[in-house]
Protein backbone atom coordinates (compact mmCIF):
# COMPACT_ATOMS: atom_id res chain seq x y z
CA MET A 1 5.40 -78.24 17.48
CA ILE A 2 7.36 -81.71 17.86
CA ALA A 3 7.31 -84.20 14.88
CA PHE A 4 7.29 -87.82 15.82
CA GLY A 5 8.29 -90.55 13.35
CA PHE A 6 6.56 -93.32 15.14
CA GLY A 7 3.38 -93.58 13.12
CA SER A 8 4.49 -96.91 11.72
CA THR A 9 5.30 -98.13 15.11
CA ARG A 10 1.99 -97.09 16.49
CA VAL A 11 0.03 -99.10 13.65
CA SER A 12 2.40 -102.08 14.28
CA VAL A 13 1.56 -102.08 18.00
CA LEU A 14 -2.16 -101.75 17.30
CA MET A 15 -2.01 -104.38 14.86
CA ALA A 16 -0.36 -106.74 17.10
CA VAL A 17 -2.99 -106.02 19.84
CA LEU A 18 -5.97 -106.60 17.33
CA VAL A 19 -4.33 -109.94 16.11
CA LEU A 20 -4.02 -111.09 19.72
CA VAL A 21 -7.38 -110.08 20.75
CA SER A 22 -9.25 -111.35 17.56
CA GLY A 23 -7.07 -114.38 16.70
CA CYS A 24 -6.58 -115.96 20.20
CA GLY A 25 -8.91 -118.12 22.12
CA ASN A 26 -8.44 -119.44 25.72
CA GLY A 27 -9.81 -122.95 25.13
CA ASP A 28 -13.47 -122.37 26.05
CA GLY A 29 -14.66 -120.97 22.72
CA HIS A 30 -14.09 -117.17 24.00
CA GLY A 31 -11.48 -114.96 22.58
CA LEU A 32 -9.46 -112.35 24.47
CA SER A 33 -10.71 -109.07 25.69
CA VAL A 34 -9.22 -105.75 26.38
CA THR A 35 -10.11 -103.93 29.69
CA GLY A 36 -9.21 -100.44 30.58
CA GLY A 37 -9.43 -97.93 33.50
CA GLU A 38 -10.36 -94.46 33.68
CA PRO A 39 -7.78 -92.03 32.05
CA VAL A 40 -5.17 -90.39 34.23
CA GLN A 41 -4.19 -86.87 33.82
CA TYR A 42 -0.63 -86.11 34.46
CA VAL A 43 0.71 -82.39 34.57
CA ASN A 44 3.81 -80.41 35.40
CA ALA A 45 4.44 -76.93 36.86
CA ASP A 46 4.67 -75.60 33.34
CA GLY A 47 0.98 -76.66 32.68
CA GLN A 48 1.80 -79.37 30.13
CA SER A 49 -0.46 -82.40 30.46
CA VAL A 50 -0.31 -85.79 29.24
CA THR A 51 -3.54 -88.15 29.38
CA ALA A 52 -2.72 -91.76 29.96
CA ARG A 53 -5.24 -94.54 29.67
CA PHE A 54 -4.03 -98.19 30.79
CA TYR A 55 -5.17 -101.40 29.29
CA SER A 56 -4.38 -105.08 29.62
CA LEU A 57 -5.57 -108.43 27.78
CA SER A 58 -8.06 -110.50 29.70
CA ASP A 59 -5.43 -113.15 30.23
CA GLY A 60 -2.80 -110.84 31.37
CA SER A 61 -0.30 -111.27 28.78
CA LEU A 62 -0.20 -107.63 27.50
CA ASN A 63 -0.42 -104.30 29.29
CA PHE A 64 -0.13 -101.22 27.31
CA VAL A 65 -0.95 -97.26 27.50
CA LYS A 66 -2.70 -95.13 25.27
CA LEU A 67 -1.19 -91.48 25.51
CA ASN A 68 -2.56 -88.09 24.63
CA LEU A 69 0.27 -85.60 24.46
CA PRO A 70 0.03 -81.87 24.55
CA GLU A 71 0.86 -81.29 20.68
CA GLY A 72 -2.42 -83.59 19.90
CA VAL A 73 -0.34 -86.76 19.07
CA GLU A 74 -1.89 -89.90 20.16
CA CYS A 75 0.19 -93.11 20.57
CA THR A 76 -0.10 -96.65 22.08
CA LEU A 77 2.90 -98.05 23.87
CA PRO A 78 3.33 -101.60 25.15
CA GLN A 79 4.54 -102.22 28.58
CA SER A 80 8.39 -103.13 28.90
CA VAL A 81 10.78 -104.36 31.46
CA SER A 82 11.48 -101.86 34.20
CA GLY A 83 13.96 -101.83 37.22
CA SER A 84 11.70 -99.55 38.97
CA GLY A 85 8.23 -98.16 38.24
CA ALA A 86 6.33 -99.02 35.11
CA ARG A 87 7.87 -98.34 31.57
CA TYR A 88 5.83 -98.28 28.26
CA THR A 89 7.82 -97.86 25.09
CA ASP A 90 7.98 -98.77 21.49
CA ASP A 91 11.73 -98.82 21.88
CA GLY A 92 11.91 -96.72 18.85
CA MET A 93 10.90 -93.09 19.57
CA LEU A 94 8.97 -92.63 22.79
CA THR A 95 9.04 -93.96 26.47
CA PHE A 96 6.48 -93.28 29.16
CA TRP A 97 7.95 -94.11 32.62
CA ILE A 98 5.89 -93.95 35.71
CA ARG A 99 7.45 -94.06 39.20
CA GLY A 100 4.93 -93.74 41.95
CA ASP A 101 2.35 -90.72 40.86
CA SER A 102 5.05 -89.11 38.90
CA ALA A 103 5.80 -89.78 35.10
CA THR A 104 8.23 -88.77 32.40
CA VAL A 105 7.89 -88.87 28.80
CA GLU A 106 11.21 -89.43 26.56
CA THR A 107 11.69 -89.22 23.03
CA ARG A 108 14.76 -89.91 20.94
CA ASP A 109 16.99 -87.07 19.41
CA ASP A 110 18.61 -86.93 15.98
CA GLN A 111 21.35 -89.12 17.15
CA GLY A 112 19.27 -91.83 18.69
CA GLN A 113 19.91 -90.91 22.49
CA TRP A 114 16.83 -90.65 24.80
CA GLN A 115 15.89 -87.03 25.91
CA VAL A 116 13.24 -85.96 28.17
CA LEU A 117 10.39 -84.56 26.43
CA TYR A 118 7.94 -83.77 29.50
CA ALA A 119 9.47 -84.00 33.05
CA HIS A 120 8.06 -83.82 36.62
CA LEU A 121 4.53 -85.03 35.28
CA GLN A 122 2.50 -85.53 38.59
CA ALA A 123 -0.84 -87.42 38.51
CA GLU A 124 -3.76 -85.01 39.02
CA GLY A 125 -5.10 -85.13 42.59
CA THR A 126 -1.69 -86.46 44.37
CA GLU A 127 0.28 -83.23 44.71
């Protein structure tokens, strides 16, 4: 089992989202809302599966993903700048990177270097 040390980061991201949603208004008396699509299942040849559900704030100011990893770990990552594809990361312990229908999950090792945790994940139904 893989141990992650990003519990406080996850809480920080969730708190930031909640503050944005509850504390902001768009000038017409209505606050922001969160919209989300259907879950997307990414599976690799080893049978490892990551479920991703993508969300965004109603004003488009923040996009984020909620991941369910094979170990039962759940995490929420904000979208970050990416040269290609879509990248979601807390820049601390976890990155979820999508290019087309493929995805990769990376985590930091003990020396702080990014290492691939799950590779060659393919969105179900796109093989």
